[in-house]
C-alpha atoms as a PDB file:
ATOM      1  CA  MET A   1      -2.618 -49.327 -11.614  1.00  0.00           C
ATOM      2  CA  THR A   2      -3.312 -47.587 -14.878  1.00  0.00           C
ATOM      3  CA  LYS A   3      -5.947 -48.682 -17.454  1.00  0.00           C
ATOM      4  CA  ARG A   4      -4.440 -49.826 -20.635  1.00  0.00           C
ATOM      5  CA  VAL A   5      -6.326 -48.749 -23.774  1.00  0.00           C
ATOM      6  CA  ILE A   6      -5.884 -50.248 -27.265  1.00  0.00           C
ATOM      7  CA  LYS A   7      -4.391 -47.993 -29.897  1.00  0.00           C
ATOM      8  CA  THR A   8      -7.192 -48.445 -32.307  1.00  0.00           C
ATOM      9  CA  GLU A   9      -5.672 -46.017 -34.773  1.00  0.00           C
ATOM     10  CA  LEU A  10      -3.030 -48.573 -35.569  1.00  0.00           C
ATOM     11  CA  ILE A  11      -5.653 -50.949 -36.752  1.00  0.00           C
ATOM     12  CA  LYS A  12      -7.561 -48.207 -38.684  1.00  0.00           C
ATOM     13  CA  GLU A  13      -4.300 -47.000 -40.380  1.00  0.00           C
ATOM     14  CA  TYR A  14      -3.520 -50.573 -41.382  1.00  0.00           C
ATOM     15  CA  ILE A  15      -6.938 -51.250 -42.881  1.00  0.00           C
ATOM     16  CA  ASN A  16      -6.835 -47.818 -44.725  1.00  0.00           C
ATOM     17  CA  LYS A  17      -3.089 -48.211 -45.944  1.00  0.00           C
ATOM     18  CA  ASN A  18      -3.824 -51.680 -47.391  1.00  0.00           C
ATOM     19  CA  HIS A  19      -7.214 -50.603 -48.881  1.00  0.00           C
ATOM     20  CA  LEU A  20      -9.135 -53.342 -46.876  1.00  0.00           C
ATOM     21  CA  SER A  21     -12.708 -53.476 -45.812  1.00  0.00           C
ATOM     22  CA  LYS A  22     -13.224 -54.242 -42.062  1.00  0.00           C
ATOM     23  CA  THR A  23     -14.655 -57.614 -43.309  1.00  0.00           C
ATOM     24  CA  ALA A  24     -11.556 -58.431 -45.270  1.00  0.00           C
ATOM     25  CA  PHE A  25      -9.340 -57.408 -42.268  1.00  0.00           C
ATOM     26  CA  CYS A  26     -11.335 -59.800 -39.924  1.00  0.00           C
ATOM     27  CA  LYS A  27     -10.849 -62.527 -42.442  1.00  0.00           C
ATOM     28  CA  ASN A  28      -7.073 -61.935 -42.633  1.00  0.00           C
ATOM     29  CA  CYS A  29      -6.968 -61.953 -38.797  1.00  0.00           C
ATOM     30  CA  LYS A  30      -9.430 -64.795 -38.409  1.00  0.00           C
ATOM     31  CA  ILE A  31     -11.586 -62.975 -35.933  1.00  0.00           C
ATOM     32  CA  ALA A  32     -15.366 -62.100 -36.095  1.00  0.00           C
ATOM     33  CA  PRO A  33     -16.425 -58.815 -37.206  1.00  0.00           C
ATOM     34  CA  SER A  34     -18.220 -58.351 -33.873  1.00  0.00           C
ATOM     35  CA  THR A  35     -14.872 -58.680 -32.284  1.00  0.00           C
ATOM     36  CA  LEU A  36     -13.304 -56.111 -34.271  1.00  0.00           C
ATOM     37  CA  LYS A  37     -16.349 -53.649 -33.561  1.00  0.00           C
ATOM     38  CA  ALA A  38     -15.675 -54.339 -29.888  1.00  0.00           C
ATOM     39  CA  ILE A  39     -12.029 -53.457 -30.140  1.00  0.00           C
ATOM     40  CA  LEU A  40     -12.631 -50.289 -32.089  1.00  0.00           C
ATOM     41  CA  SER A  41     -15.354 -49.278 -29.493  1.00  0.00           C
ATOM     42  CA  GLN A  42     -12.854 -49.846 -26.759  1.00  0.00           C
ATOM     43  CA  SER A  43     -14.948 -52.547 -25.223  1.00  0.00           C
ATOM     44  CA  THR A  44     -13.400 -54.084 -22.122  1.00  0.00           C
ATOM     45  CA  ASN A  45     -14.683 -57.629 -23.110  1.00  0.00           C
ATOM     46  CA  VAL A  46     -12.059 -58.426 -25.740  1.00  0.00           C
ATOM     47  CA  GLY A  47     -10.351 -61.796 -25.581  1.00  0.00           C
ATOM     48  CA  ILE A  48      -6.487 -61.796 -25.623  1.00  0.00           C
ATOM     49  CA  VAL A  49      -6.324 -64.484 -28.399  1.00  0.00           C
ATOM     50  CA  ALA A  50      -8.022 -62.000 -30.800  1.00  0.00           C
ATOM     51  CA  LEU A  51      -5.529 -59.339 -29.965  1.00  0.00           C
ATOM     52  CA  PHE A  52      -2.694 -61.800 -30.627  1.00  0.00           C
ATOM     53  CA  LYS A  53      -4.336 -62.453 -33.969  1.00  0.00           C
ATOM     54  CA  ILE A  54      -4.442 -58.753 -34.809  1.00  0.00           C
ATOM     55  CA  VAL A  55      -0.825 -58.074 -33.867  1.00  0.00           C
ATOM     56  CA  ARG A  56       0.277 -60.934 -36.012  1.00  0.00           C
ATOM     57  CA  VAL A  57      -1.393 -59.474 -39.070  1.00  0.00           C
ATOM     58  CA  LEU A  58      -0.226 -56.055 -38.228  1.00  0.00           C
ATOM     59  CA  ASN A  59       3.263 -57.299 -37.731  1.00  0.00           C
ATOM     60  CA  ILE A  60       3.860 -55.609 -34.356  1.00  0.00           C
ATOM     61  CA  GLU A  61       4.509 -56.759 -30.795  1.00  0.00           C
ATOM     62  CA  ILE A  62       1.517 -57.092 -28.552  1.00  0.00           C
ATOM     63  CA  CYS A  63       2.755 -54.262 -26.190  1.00  0.00           C
ATOM     64  CA  GLU A  64       2.731 -51.826 -29.179  1.00  0.00           C
ATOM     65  CA  LEU A  65      -0.939 -52.324 -29.351  1.00  0.00           C
ATOM     66  CA  PHE A  66      -1.577 -50.662 -25.828  1.00  0.00           C
ATOM     67  CA  TYR A  67      -1.152 -47.039 -24.414  1.00  0.00           C
ATOM     68  CA  GLU A  68       0.691 -46.825 -21.123  1.00  0.00           C
END
């Protein structure tokens, strides 16, 4: 079984492209800034609900957020 890793560059690109602060991105996603920090640092303790909130804002499928 391979470990899936979150494609954090998708999140960073979205933030930069839309000229958002990380705080504004968190408000759009309705997640805590600490959750975003955990995701960007590749923490393994990230809830699936937060990931679904992020992909909703990014307008992508959940599988697109992970490396194979």
